[in-house]
């Protein structure tokens, strides 16, 4: 739309192009704010009663895609302005100034009050505004999934989970069902959403360990918990591998490997080797908090708080 406006403006005068672009960008900044606010109000209304809007998911997907396209278009505009404002406004020199050109230049200087850098900065601001709106839409899609899987996530690392809960399978089925809609997101947005969903699931295992949801009383229970952690990691990895089949997975980080690593710590029978196993764990995951590591070790029935620390 702005490019069409620029083309039309050129027929009148090249001198006023920066001003026209500035006005257009200002209008888009206002529109971006209103668009984001409307999407937020739509989300609030939906979560008040999720039967209000049957096409809610599809609508938010369209919002995310549209805002992402706006971000790309704004970047193209920035590159266009960066090149054209240099090409279309050549510097004056004393050898080619005459009275008429001086008069015209004087009129132009009164019109061209927008500096190239100021215009580029404002375009960057618009690009940022679109991107914030897009991220907000992705957050809304994540919130929708979270609301459905939250009760099942709460069962992770509990006695019910240890005795054979179907919580994880329900979670995987729910995510796969949502993906029938999410697959219409632009690839990199889809990948980002799946990464956030995976982070939410794996994070629940971390929360379960850290809050000591599960109390193990003997090696058999601990061995069972270890096997379940490993199985859950494989099941989650399989799910996301399938969903990411047609997406560039180079931007997706597999977090399920941490479940396997924690499983190894629990499964170790000879606790004299525990220091070696935990050292290996820390080397693999150097960002792991000491509190979480301590809680994981204390999940073992043969380790007390003092020994764990």
C-alpha atoms as a PDB file:
ATOM      1  CA  UNK A   1       0.000   0.000   0.000  1.00  0.00           C
ATOM      2  CA  UNK A   2       2.793   2.445   0.889  1.00  0.00           C
ATOM      3  CA  UNK A   3       4.624   1.582  -2.335  1.00  0.00           C
ATOM      4  CA  UNK A   4       1.512   2.493  -4.322  1.00  0.00           C
ATOM      5  CA  UNK A   5       1.348   5.772  -2.436  1.00  0.00           C
ATOM      6  CA  UNK A   6       5.012   6.445  -3.199  1.00  0.00           C
ATOM      7  CA  UNK A   7       4.439   5.740  -6.891  1.00  0.00           C
ATOM      8  CA  UNK A   8       1.531   8.177  -6.952  1.00  0.00           C
ATOM      9  CA  UNK A   9       3.549  10.783  -5.045  1.00  0.00           C
ATOM     10  CA  UNK A  10       6.376  10.596  -7.607  1.00  0.00           C
ATOM     11  CA  UNK A  11       3.960  11.855 -10.242  1.00  0.00           C
ATOM     12  CA  UNK A  12       3.511  15.019  -8.171  1.00  0.00           C
ATOM     13  CA  UNK A  13       6.970  15.583  -6.705  1.00  0.00           C
ATOM     14  CA  UNK A  14       9.881  13.482  -5.492  1.00  0.00           C
ATOM     15  CA  UNK A  15      10.529  16.068  -2.818  1.00  0.00           C
ATOM     16  CA  UNK A  16       7.498  15.204  -0.734  1.00  0.00           C
ATOM     17  CA  UNK A  17       8.036  11.426  -0.741  1.00  0.00           C
ATOM     18  CA  UNK A  18       9.679  11.342   2.749  1.00  0.00           C
ATOM     19  CA  UNK A  19       6.792  13.333   4.229  1.00  0.00           C
ATOM     20  CA  UNK A  20       4.202  11.095   2.603  1.00  0.00           C
ATOM     21  CA  UNK A  21       6.002   7.985   3.836  1.00  0.00           C
ATOM     22  CA  UNK A  22       6.192   9.436   7.343  1.00  0.00           C
ATOM     23  CA  UNK A  23       2.456  10.137   7.404  1.00  0.00           C
ATOM     24  CA  UNK A  24       1.748   6.635   6.082  1.00  0.00           C
ATOM     25  CA  UNK A  25       3.981   5.029   8.708  1.00  0.00           C
ATOM     26  CA  UNK A  26       2.294   7.076  11.457  1.00  0.00           C
ATOM     27  CA  UNK A  27      -1.082   5.803  10.286  1.00  0.00           C
ATOM     28  CA  UNK A  28       0.187   2.224  10.299  1.00  0.00           C
ATOM     29  CA  UNK A  29       1.573   2.695  13.815  1.00  0.00           C
ATOM     30  CA  UNK A  30      -1.898   3.753  14.972  1.00  0.00           C
ATOM     31  CA  UNK A  31      -3.448   0.839  13.116  1.00  0.00           C
ATOM     32  CA  UNK A  32      -0.946  -1.632  14.626  1.00  0.00           C
ATOM     33  CA  UNK A  33      -1.883  -0.489  18.127  1.00  0.00           C
ATOM     34  CA  UNK A  34      -5.608  -0.812  17.428  1.00  0.00           C
ATOM     35  CA  UNK A  35      -5.112  -4.215  15.790  1.00  0.00           C
ATOM     36  CA  UNK A  36      -3.190  -5.531  18.800  1.00  0.00           C
ATOM     37  CA  UNK A  37      -5.788  -4.134  21.232  1.00  0.00           C
ATOM     38  CA  UNK A  38      -8.626  -5.695  19.223  1.00  0.00           C
ATOM     39  CA  UNK A  39      -6.871  -9.080  19.263  1.00  0.00           C
ATOM     40  CA  UNK A  40      -6.366  -8.794  23.041  1.00  0.00           C
ATOM     41  CA  UNK A  41     -10.045  -7.934  23.588  1.00  0.00           C
ATOM     42  CA  UNK A  42     -11.045 -10.861  21.360  1.00  0.00           C
ATOM     43  CA  UNK A  43      -8.867 -13.185  23.457  1.00  0.00           C
ATOM     44  CA  UNK A  44     -10.349 -11.915  26.729  1.00  0.00           C
ATOM     45  CA  UNK A  45     -13.894 -12.394  25.460  1.00  0.00           C
ATOM     46  CA  UNK A  46     -13.083 -15.887  24.243  1.00  0.00           C
ATOM     47  CA  UNK A  47     -11.594 -17.093  27.515  1.00  0.00           C
ATOM     48  CA  UNK A  48     -14.600 -15.774  29.419  1.00  0.00           C
ATOM     49  CA  UNK A  49     -16.629 -18.376  27.555  1.00  0.00           C
ATOM     50  CA  UNK A  50     -14.781 -20.609  25.098  1.00  0.00           C
ATOM     51  CA  UNK A  51     -17.974 -21.403  23.234  1.00  0.00           C
ATOM     52  CA  UNK A  52     -18.309 -17.754  22.154  1.00  0.00           C
ATOM     53  CA  UNK A  53     -16.221 -18.008  19.005  1.00  0.00           C
ATOM     54  CA  UNK A  54     -16.089 -21.303  17.138  1.00  0.00           C
ATOM     55  CA  UNK A  55     -13.363 -20.062  14.772  1.00  0.00           C
ATOM     56  CA  UNK A  56     -11.199 -18.539  17.487  1.00  0.00           C
ATOM     57  CA  UNK A  57      -8.078 -20.627  16.769  1.00  0.00           C
ATOM     58  CA  UNK A  58      -8.274 -20.074  13.017  1.00  0.00           C
ATOM     59  CA  UNK A  59      -8.765 -16.337  13.533  1.00  0.00           C
ATOM     60  CA  UNK A  60      -5.728 -15.988  15.819  1.00  0.00           C
ATOM     61  CA  UNK A  61      -3.658 -18.013  13.346  1.00  0.00           C
ATOM     62  CA  UNK A  62      -4.684 -15.548  10.621  1.00  0.00           C
ATOM     63  CA  UNK A  63      -3.759 -12.636  12.914  1.00  0.00           C
ATOM     64  CA  UNK A  64      -0.294 -14.119  13.558  1.00  0.00           C
ATOM     65  CA  UNK A  65       0.317 -14.761   9.856  1.00  0.00           C
ATOM     66  CA  UNK A  66      -0.920 -11.315   8.807  1.00  0.00           C
ATOM     67  CA  UNK A  67       1.256  -9.511  11.334  1.00  0.00           C
ATOM     68  CA  UNK A  68       4.268 -11.549  10.281  1.00  0.00           C
ATOM     69  CA  UNK A  69       3.643 -10.573   6.645  1.00  0.00           C
ATOM     70  CA  UNK A  70       3.369  -6.946   7.778  1.00  0.00           C
ATOM     71  CA  UNK A  71       6.756  -7.294   9.495  1.00  0.00           C
ATOM     72  CA  UNK A  72       8.327  -8.591   6.286  1.00  0.00           C
ATOM     73  CA  UNK A  73       6.701  -5.881   4.167  1.00  0.00           C
ATOM     74  CA  UNK A  74       7.913  -3.201   6.556  1.00  0.00           C
ATOM     75  CA  UNK A  75      11.465  -4.521   6.289  1.00  0.00           C
ATOM     76  CA  UNK A  76      11.194  -4.332   2.482  1.00  0.00           C
ATOM     77  CA  UNK A  77       9.971  -0.744   2.813  1.00  0.00           C
ATOM     78  CA  UNK A  78      12.959   0.062   5.002  1.00  0.00           C
ATOM     79  CA  UNK A  79      15.370  -1.285   2.404  1.00  0.00           C
ATOM     80  CA  UNK A  80      13.514   0.609  -0.331  1.00  0.00           C
ATOM     81  CA  UNK A  81      13.733   3.882   1.596  1.00  0.00           C
ATOM     82  CA  UNK A  82      17.371   3.262   2.500  1.00  0.00           C
ATOM     83  CA  UNK A  83      18.258   3.020  -1.196  1.00  0.00           C
ATOM     84  CA  UNK A  84      15.802   5.435  -2.789  1.00  0.00           C
ATOM     85  CA  UNK A  85      16.315   8.373  -0.475  1.00  0.00           C
ATOM     86  CA  UNK A  86      19.992   8.270  -1.363  1.00  0.00           C
ATOM     87  CA  UNK A  87      19.340   7.877  -5.092  1.00  0.00           C
ATOM     88  CA  UNK A  88      16.471  10.321  -5.493  1.00  0.00           C
ATOM     89  CA  UNK A  89      17.980  13.193  -3.498  1.00  0.00           C
ATOM     90  CA  UNK A  90      21.504  13.814  -4.888  1.00  0.00           C
ATOM     91  CA  UNK A  91      23.637  16.361  -3.072  1.00  0.00           C
ATOM     92  CA  UNK A  92      23.841  19.817  -4.618  1.00  0.00           C
ATOM     93  CA  UNK A  93      27.182  21.258  -5.739  1.00  0.00           C
ATOM     94  CA  UNK A  94      28.245  24.712  -6.846  1.00  0.00           C
ATOM     95  CA  UNK A  95      28.810  23.713 -10.472  1.00  0.00           C
ATOM     96  CA  UNK A  96      25.190  22.900 -11.250  1.00  0.00           C
ATOM     97  CA  UNK A  97      23.296  25.565  -9.297  1.00  0.00           C
ATOM     98  CA  UNK A  98      21.392  28.208 -11.205  1.00  0.00           C
ATOM     99  CA  UNK A  99      18.777  30.704 -10.112  1.00  0.00           C
ATOM    100  CA  UNK A 100      15.815  28.503 -10.988  1.00  0.00           C
ATOM    101  CA  UNK A 101      17.301  25.413  -9.328  1.00  0.00           C
ATOM    102  CA  UNK A 102      18.189  27.468  -6.260  1.00  0.00           C
ATOM    103  CA  UNK A 103      14.610  28.675  -6.049  1.00  0.00           C
ATOM    104  CA  UNK A 104      13.350  25.111  -6.472  1.00  0.00           C
ATOM    105  CA  UNK A 105      15.841  23.875  -3.868  1.00  0.00           C
ATOM    106  CA  UNK A 106      14.621  26.530  -1.458  1.00  0.00           C
ATOM    107  CA  UNK A 107      11.045  25.360  -1.901  1.00  0.00           C
ATOM    108  CA  UNK A 108      12.155  21.728  -1.520  1.00  0.00           C
ATOM    109  CA  UNK A 109      14.043  22.412   1.687  1.00  0.00           C
ATOM    110  CA  UNK A 110      10.883  23.823   3.198  1.00  0.00           C
ATOM    111  CA  UNK A 111       9.074  20.617   2.282  1.00  0.00           C
ATOM    112  CA  UNK A 112      11.671  17.938   3.052  1.00  0.00           C
ATOM    113  CA  UNK A 113      11.736  18.213   6.809  1.00  0.00           C
ATOM    114  CA  UNK A 114      12.027  14.453   7.445  1.00  0.00           C
ATOM    115  CA  UNK A 115      15.565  13.152   7.728  1.00  0.00           C
ATOM    116  CA  UNK A 116      16.418   9.799   6.228  1.00  0.00           C
ATOM    117  CA  UNK A 117      17.525   8.371   9.577  1.00  0.00           C
ATOM    118  CA  UNK A 118      14.434   9.622  11.409  1.00  0.00           C
ATOM    119  CA  UNK A 119      12.260   7.932   8.798  1.00  0.00           C
ATOM    120  CA  UNK A 120      14.217   4.671   9.049  1.00  0.00           C
ATOM    121  CA  UNK A 121      13.929   4.755  12.856  1.00  0.00           C
ATOM    122  CA  UNK A 122      10.182   5.213  12.618  1.00  0.00           C
ATOM    123  CA  UNK A 123       9.936   2.288  10.182  1.00  0.00           C
ATOM    124  CA  UNK A 124      11.919   0.177  12.666  1.00  0.00           C
ATOM    125  CA  UNK A 125       9.411   1.170  15.316  1.00  0.00           C
ATOM    126  CA  UNK A 126       6.562  -0.008  13.086  1.00  0.00           C
ATOM    127  CA  UNK A 127       8.334  -3.281  12.385  1.00  0.00           C
ATOM    128  CA  UNK A 128       8.779  -3.828  16.123  1.00  0.00           C
ATOM    129  CA  UNK A 129       5.097  -3.058  16.707  1.00  0.00           C
ATOM    130  CA  UNK A 130       4.014  -5.678  14.139  1.00  0.00           C
ATOM    131  CA  UNK A 131       6.369  -8.233  15.676  1.00  0.00           C
ATOM    132  CA  UNK A 132       5.064  -7.630  19.197  1.00  0.00           C
ATOM    133  CA  UNK A 133       1.534  -8.174  17.926  1.00  0.00           C
ATOM    134  CA  UNK A 134       2.567 -11.406  16.202  1.00  0.00           C
ATOM    135  CA  UNK A 135       4.251 -12.711  19.359  1.00  0.00           C
ATOM    136  CA  UNK A 136       1.152 -11.823  21.343  1.00  0.00           C
ATOM    137  CA  UNK A 137      -0.958 -13.890  18.923  1.00  0.00           C
ATOM    138  CA  UNK A 138       1.400 -16.854  19.339  1.00  0.00           C
ATOM    139  CA  UNK A 139       1.087 -16.416  23.101  1.00  0.00           C
ATOM    140  CA  UNK A 140      -2.690 -16.579  22.751  1.00  0.00           C
ATOM    141  CA  UNK A 141      -2.446 -19.874  20.838  1.00  0.00           C
ATOM    142  CA  UNK A 142      -0.139 -21.205  23.548  1.00  0.00           C
ATOM    143  CA  UNK A 143      -2.555 -20.121  26.292  1.00  0.00           C
ATOM    144  CA  UNK A 144      -5.364 -21.968  24.520  1.00  0.00           C
ATOM    145  CA  UNK A 145      -3.362 -25.211  24.437  1.00  0.00           C
ATOM    146  CA  UNK A 146      -2.195 -24.744  28.036  1.00  0.00           C
ATOM    147  CA  UNK A 147      -5.742 -24.361  29.293  1.00  0.00           C
ATOM    148  CA  UNK A 148      -6.650 -27.756  27.845  1.00  0.00           C
ATOM    149  CA  UNK A 149      -3.567 -29.660  28.981  1.00  0.00           C
ATOM    150  CA  UNK A 150      -3.056 -28.021  32.406  1.00  0.00           C
ATOM    151  CA  UNK A 151      -5.127 -30.593  34.394  1.00  0.00           C
ATOM    152  CA  UNK A 152      -3.132 -33.413  32.810  1.00  0.00           C
ATOM    153  CA  UNK A 153       0.212 -31.690  33.345  1.00  0.00           C
ATOM    154  CA  UNK A 154      -0.650 -31.516  37.051  1.00  0.00           C
ATOM    155  CA  UNK A 155      -0.592 -35.340  37.152  1.00  0.00           C
ATOM    156  CA  UNK A 156       3.026 -35.522  35.990  1.00  0.00           C
ATOM    157  CA  UNK A 157       5.387 -36.975  38.644  1.00  0.00           C
ATOM    158  CA  UNK A 158       2.610 -37.869  41.077  1.00  0.00           C
ATOM    159  CA  UNK A 159       1.611 -41.222  42.559  1.00  0.00           C
ATOM    160  CA  UNK A 160      -1.115 -41.438  39.918  1.00  0.00           C
ATOM    161  CA  UNK A 161       1.499 -40.942  37.187  1.00  0.00           C
ATOM    162  CA  UNK A 162       3.717 -43.628  38.733  1.00  0.00           C
ATOM    163  CA  UNK A 163       0.846 -46.114  38.921  1.00  0.00           C
ATOM    164  CA  UNK A 164      -0.071 -45.730  35.242  1.00  0.00           C
ATOM    165  CA  UNK A 165      -1.764 -42.430  34.414  1.00  0.00           C
ATOM    166  CA  UNK A 166      -2.863 -41.636  30.853  1.00  0.00           C
ATOM    167  CA  UNK A 167      -2.021 -37.948  31.372  1.00  0.00           C
ATOM    168  CA  UNK A 168       0.871 -37.733  28.912  1.00  0.00           C
ATOM    169  CA  UNK A 169      -1.006 -39.607  26.205  1.00  0.00           C
ATOM    170  CA  UNK A 170      -3.940 -37.221  26.586  1.00  0.00           C
ATOM    171  CA  UNK A 171      -1.534 -34.278  26.353  1.00  0.00           C
ATOM    172  CA  UNK A 172       0.038 -35.649  23.170  1.00  0.00           C
ATOM    173  CA  UNK A 173      -3.361 -36.317  21.568  1.00  0.00           C
ATOM    174  CA  UNK A 174      -4.526 -32.784  22.449  1.00  0.00           C
ATOM    175  CA  UNK A 175      -1.427 -31.170  20.942  1.00  0.00           C
ATOM    176  CA  UNK A 176      -1.719 -33.292  17.786  1.00  0.00           C
ATOM    177  CA  UNK A 177      -5.371 -32.284  17.491  1.00  0.00           C
ATOM    178  CA  UNK A 178      -4.504 -28.573  17.779  1.00  0.00           C
ATOM    179  CA  UNK A 179      -1.817 -29.058  15.154  1.00  0.00           C
ATOM    180  CA  UNK A 180      -4.489 -29.666  12.532  1.00  0.00           C
ATOM    181  CA  UNK A 181      -5.065 -25.903  12.887  1.00  0.00           C
ATOM    182  CA  UNK A 182      -1.541 -24.836  13.822  1.00  0.00           C
ATOM    183  CA  UNK A 183      -0.116 -26.327  10.621  1.00  0.00           C
ATOM    184  CA  UNK A 184      -1.601 -23.314   8.807  1.00  0.00           C
ATOM    185  CA  UNK A 185       0.802 -20.990  10.628  1.00  0.00           C
ATOM    186  CA  UNK A 186       3.773 -19.768   8.633  1.00  0.00           C
ATOM    187  CA  UNK A 187       6.607 -22.315   9.160  1.00  0.00           C
ATOM    188  CA  UNK A 188       8.854 -20.299  11.458  1.00  0.00           C
ATOM    189  CA  UNK A 189       5.885 -19.197  13.607  1.00  0.00           C
ATOM    190  CA  UNK A 190       4.668 -22.788  13.809  1.00  0.00           C
ATOM    191  CA  UNK A 191       8.122 -23.910  14.909  1.00  0.00           C
ATOM    192  CA  UNK A 192       8.268 -21.196  17.577  1.00  0.00           C
ATOM    193  CA  UNK A 193       4.842 -22.223  18.918  1.00  0.00           C
ATOM    194  CA  UNK A 194       5.809 -25.900  19.062  1.00  0.00           C
ATOM    195  CA  UNK A 195       9.002 -24.947  20.879  1.00  0.00           C
ATOM    196  CA  UNK A 196       6.966 -23.071  23.496  1.00  0.00           C
ATOM    197  CA  UNK A 197       4.583 -26.017  23.908  1.00  0.00           C
ATOM    198  CA  UNK A 198       7.492 -28.417  24.342  1.00  0.00           C
ATOM    199  CA  UNK A 199       9.060 -26.042  26.870  1.00  0.00           C
ATOM    200  CA  UNK A 200       5.791 -25.999  28.817  1.00  0.00           C
ATOM    201  CA  UNK A 201       5.604 -29.804  28.964  1.00  0.00           C
ATOM    202  CA  UNK A 202       9.247 -30.432  29.862  1.00  0.00           C
ATOM    203  CA  UNK A 203       9.079 -27.546  32.312  1.00  0.00           C
ATOM    204  CA  UNK A 204       6.306 -29.350  34.167  1.00  0.00           C
ATOM    205  CA  UNK A 205       8.668 -32.246  34.857  1.00  0.00           C
ATOM    206  CA  UNK A 206      11.182 -29.747  36.258  1.00  0.00           C
ATOM    207  CA  UNK A 207       8.461 -28.229  38.447  1.00  0.00           C
ATOM    208  CA  UNK A 208       7.419 -31.694  39.616  1.00  0.00           C
ATOM    209  CA  UNK A 209      10.976 -32.552  40.622  1.00  0.00           C
ATOM    210  CA  UNK A 210      11.634 -29.176  42.242  1.00  0.00           C
ATOM    211  CA  UNK A 211       8.406 -29.233  44.269  1.00  0.00           C
ATOM    212  CA  UNK A 212       8.977 -32.867  45.316  1.00  0.00           C
ATOM    213  CA  UNK A 213       5.600 -34.037  44.070  1.00  0.00           C
ATOM    214  CA  UNK A 214       6.794 -37.622  44.010  1.00  0.00           C
ATOM    215  CA  UNK A 215       8.008 -39.461  47.099  1.00  0.00           C
ATOM    216  CA  UNK A 216       9.800 -42.732  46.397  1.00  0.00           C
ATOM    217  CA  UNK A 217      10.098 -45.277  49.211  1.00  0.00           C
ATOM    218  CA  UNK A 218      12.088 -48.090  47.610  1.00  0.00           C
ATOM    219  CA  UNK A 219      14.255 -48.986  44.656  1.00  0.00           C
ATOM    220  CA  UNK A 220      11.391 -50.629  42.741  1.00  0.00           C
ATOM    221  CA  UNK A 221       9.414 -47.376  42.805  1.00  0.00           C
ATOM    222  CA  UNK A 222      12.516 -45.430  41.801  1.00  0.00           C
ATOM    223  CA  UNK A 223      13.251 -47.836  38.967  1.00  0.00           C
ATOM    224  CA  UNK A 224       9.647 -47.512  37.796  1.00  0.00           C
ATOM    225  CA  UNK A 225       9.843 -43.723  37.895  1.00  0.00           C
ATOM    226  CA  UNK A 226      13.116 -43.829  35.961  1.00  0.00           C
ATOM    227  CA  UNK A 227      11.599 -45.978  33.231  1.00  0.00           C
ATOM    228  CA  UNK A 228       8.559 -43.708  33.017  1.00  0.00           C
ATOM    229  CA  UNK A 229      10.748 -40.598  32.664  1.00  0.00           C
ATOM    230  CA  UNK A 230      12.645 -42.246  29.847  1.00  0.00           C
ATOM    231  CA  UNK A 231       9.434 -43.431  28.156  1.00  0.00           C
ATOM    232  CA  UNK A 232       7.823 -40.008  28.480  1.00  0.00           C
ATOM    233  CA  UNK A 233      10.860 -38.364  26.929  1.00  0.00           C
ATOM    234  CA  UNK A 234      10.730 -40.750  23.974  1.00  0.00           C
ATOM    235  CA  UNK A 235       6.963 -40.251  23.556  1.00  0.00           C
ATOM    236  CA  UNK A 236       7.261 -36.463  23.585  1.00  0.00           C
ATOM    237  CA  UNK A 237      10.217 -36.541  21.182  1.00  0.00           C
ATOM    238  CA  UNK A 238       8.252 -38.780  18.812  1.00  0.00           C
ATOM    239  CA  UNK A 239       5.285 -36.401  18.882  1.00  0.00           C
ATOM    240  CA  UNK A 240       7.287 -33.301  18.016  1.00  0.00           C
ATOM    241  CA  UNK A 241       9.367 -35.140  15.433  1.00  0.00           C
ATOM    242  CA  UNK A 242       6.143 -36.029  13.639  1.00  0.00           C
ATOM    243  CA  UNK A 243       4.707 -32.513  13.878  1.00  0.00           C
ATOM    244  CA  UNK A 244       7.970 -30.958  12.671  1.00  0.00           C
ATOM    245  CA  UNK A 245       8.219 -33.267   9.686  1.00  0.00           C
ATOM    246  CA  UNK A 246       7.685 -30.441   7.183  1.00  0.00           C
ATOM    247  CA  UNK A 247       9.434 -27.663   9.134  1.00  0.00           C
ATOM    248  CA  UNK A 248      13.085 -26.616   9.247  1.00  0.00           C
ATOM    249  CA  UNK A 249      14.093 -28.363  12.491  1.00  0.00           C
ATOM    250  CA  UNK A 250      17.445 -26.562  12.670  1.00  0.00           C
ATOM    251  CA  UNK A 251      15.705 -23.875  14.724  1.00  0.00           C
ATOM    252  CA  UNK A 252      14.054 -26.389  17.078  1.00  0.00           C
ATOM    253  CA  UNK A 253      15.862 -27.616  20.203  1.00  0.00           C
ATOM    254  CA  UNK A 254      14.980 -31.047  21.540  1.00  0.00           C
ATOM    255  CA  UNK A 255      14.468 -30.666  25.290  1.00  0.00           C
ATOM    256  CA  UNK A 256      13.403 -34.252  25.929  1.00  0.00           C
ATOM    257  CA  UNK A 257      17.023 -35.349  26.392  1.00  0.00           C
ATOM    258  CA  UNK A 258      16.941 -33.845  29.874  1.00  0.00           C
ATOM    259  CA  UNK A 259      14.282 -36.383  30.904  1.00  0.00           C
ATOM    260  CA  UNK A 260      16.563 -39.231  29.843  1.00  0.00           C
ATOM    261  CA  UNK A 261      19.451 -37.689  31.773  1.00  0.00           C
ATOM    262  CA  UNK A 262      17.338 -37.340  34.924  1.00  0.00           C
ATOM    263  CA  UNK A 263      16.147 -40.899  34.435  1.00  0.00           C
ATOM    264  CA  UNK A 264      19.757 -42.088  34.576  1.00  0.00           C
ATOM    265  CA  UNK A 265      20.284 -40.322  37.901  1.00  0.00           C
ATOM    266  CA  UNK A 266      17.252 -42.038  39.410  1.00  0.00           C
ATOM    267  CA  UNK A 267      18.011 -45.445  37.924  1.00  0.00           C
ATOM    268  CA  UNK A 268      21.547 -45.672  39.285  1.00  0.00           C
ATOM    269  CA  UNK A 269      21.537 -48.461  41.876  1.00  0.00           C
ATOM    270  CA  UNK A 270      24.966 -47.885  43.402  1.00  0.00           C
ATOM    271  CA  UNK A 271      24.801 -44.445  44.996  1.00  0.00           C
ATOM    272  CA  UNK A 272      28.591 -44.365  45.298  1.00  0.00           C
ATOM    273  CA  UNK A 273      28.568 -43.605  41.575  1.00  0.00           C
ATOM    274  CA  UNK A 274      26.009 -40.844  41.969  1.00  0.00           C
ATOM    275  CA  UNK A 275      28.592 -38.053  42.114  1.00  0.00           C
ATOM    276  CA  UNK A 276      29.952 -39.159  38.738  1.00  0.00           C
ATOM    277  CA  UNK A 277      26.452 -39.349  37.227  1.00  0.00           C
ATOM    278  CA  UNK A 278      25.456 -35.904  38.483  1.00  0.00           C
ATOM    279  CA  UNK A 279      28.727 -34.434  37.198  1.00  0.00           C
ATOM    280  CA  UNK A 280      27.869 -35.807  33.762  1.00  0.00           C
ATOM    281  CA  UNK A 281      24.378 -34.289  34.068  1.00  0.00           C
ATOM    282  CA  UNK A 282      25.762 -30.861  34.954  1.00  0.00           C
ATOM    283  CA  UNK A 283      28.194 -30.972  32.041  1.00  0.00           C
ATOM    284  CA  UNK A 284      25.328 -31.691  29.663  1.00  0.00           C
ATOM    285  CA  UNK A 285      23.114 -29.007  31.205  1.00  0.00           C
ATOM    286  CA  UNK A 286      25.346 -26.334  32.776  1.00  0.00           C
ATOM    287  CA  UNK A 287      22.382 -23.976  33.268  1.00  0.00           C
ATOM    288  CA  UNK A 288      20.616 -26.382  35.629  1.00  0.00           C
ATOM    289  CA  UNK A 289      19.980 -24.730  39.001  1.00  0.00           C
ATOM    290  CA  UNK A 290      21.604 -26.242  42.076  1.00  0.00           C
ATOM    291  CA  UNK A 291      18.195 -26.394  43.792  1.00  0.00           C
ATOM    292  CA  UNK A 292      16.746 -28.500  40.978  1.00  0.00           C
ATOM    293  CA  UNK A 293      19.725 -30.847  40.971  1.00  0.00           C
ATOM    294  CA  UNK A 294      19.477 -31.227  44.735  1.00  0.00           C
ATOM    295  CA  UNK A 295      15.731 -31.930  44.505  1.00  0.00           C
ATOM    296  CA  UNK A 296      16.353 -34.579  41.823  1.00  0.00           C
ATOM    297  CA  UNK A 297      18.916 -36.358  44.007  1.00  0.00           C
ATOM    298  CA  UNK A 298      16.618 -36.163  47.038  1.00  0.00           C
ATOM    299  CA  UNK A 299      13.883 -37.859  45.016  1.00  0.00           C
ATOM    300  CA  UNK A 300      15.915 -41.012  45.538  1.00  0.00           C
ATOM    301  CA  UNK A 301      14.836 -42.809  48.703  1.00  0.00           C
ATOM    302  CA  UNK A 302      18.476 -43.509  49.631  1.00  0.00           C
ATOM    303  CA  UNK A 303      19.595 -39.864  49.650  1.00  0.00           C
ATOM    304  CA  UNK A 304      18.917 -37.276  52.347  1.00  0.00           C
ATOM    305  CA  UNK A 305      19.123 -33.495  52.130  1.00  0.00           C
ATOM    306  CA  UNK A 306      22.612 -33.277  53.595  1.00  0.00           C
ATOM    307  CA  UNK A 307      24.002 -35.940  51.255  1.00  0.00           C
ATOM    308  CA  UNK A 308      22.300 -34.364  48.252  1.00  0.00           C
ATOM    309  CA  UNK A 309      23.898 -30.988  48.920  1.00  0.00           C
END
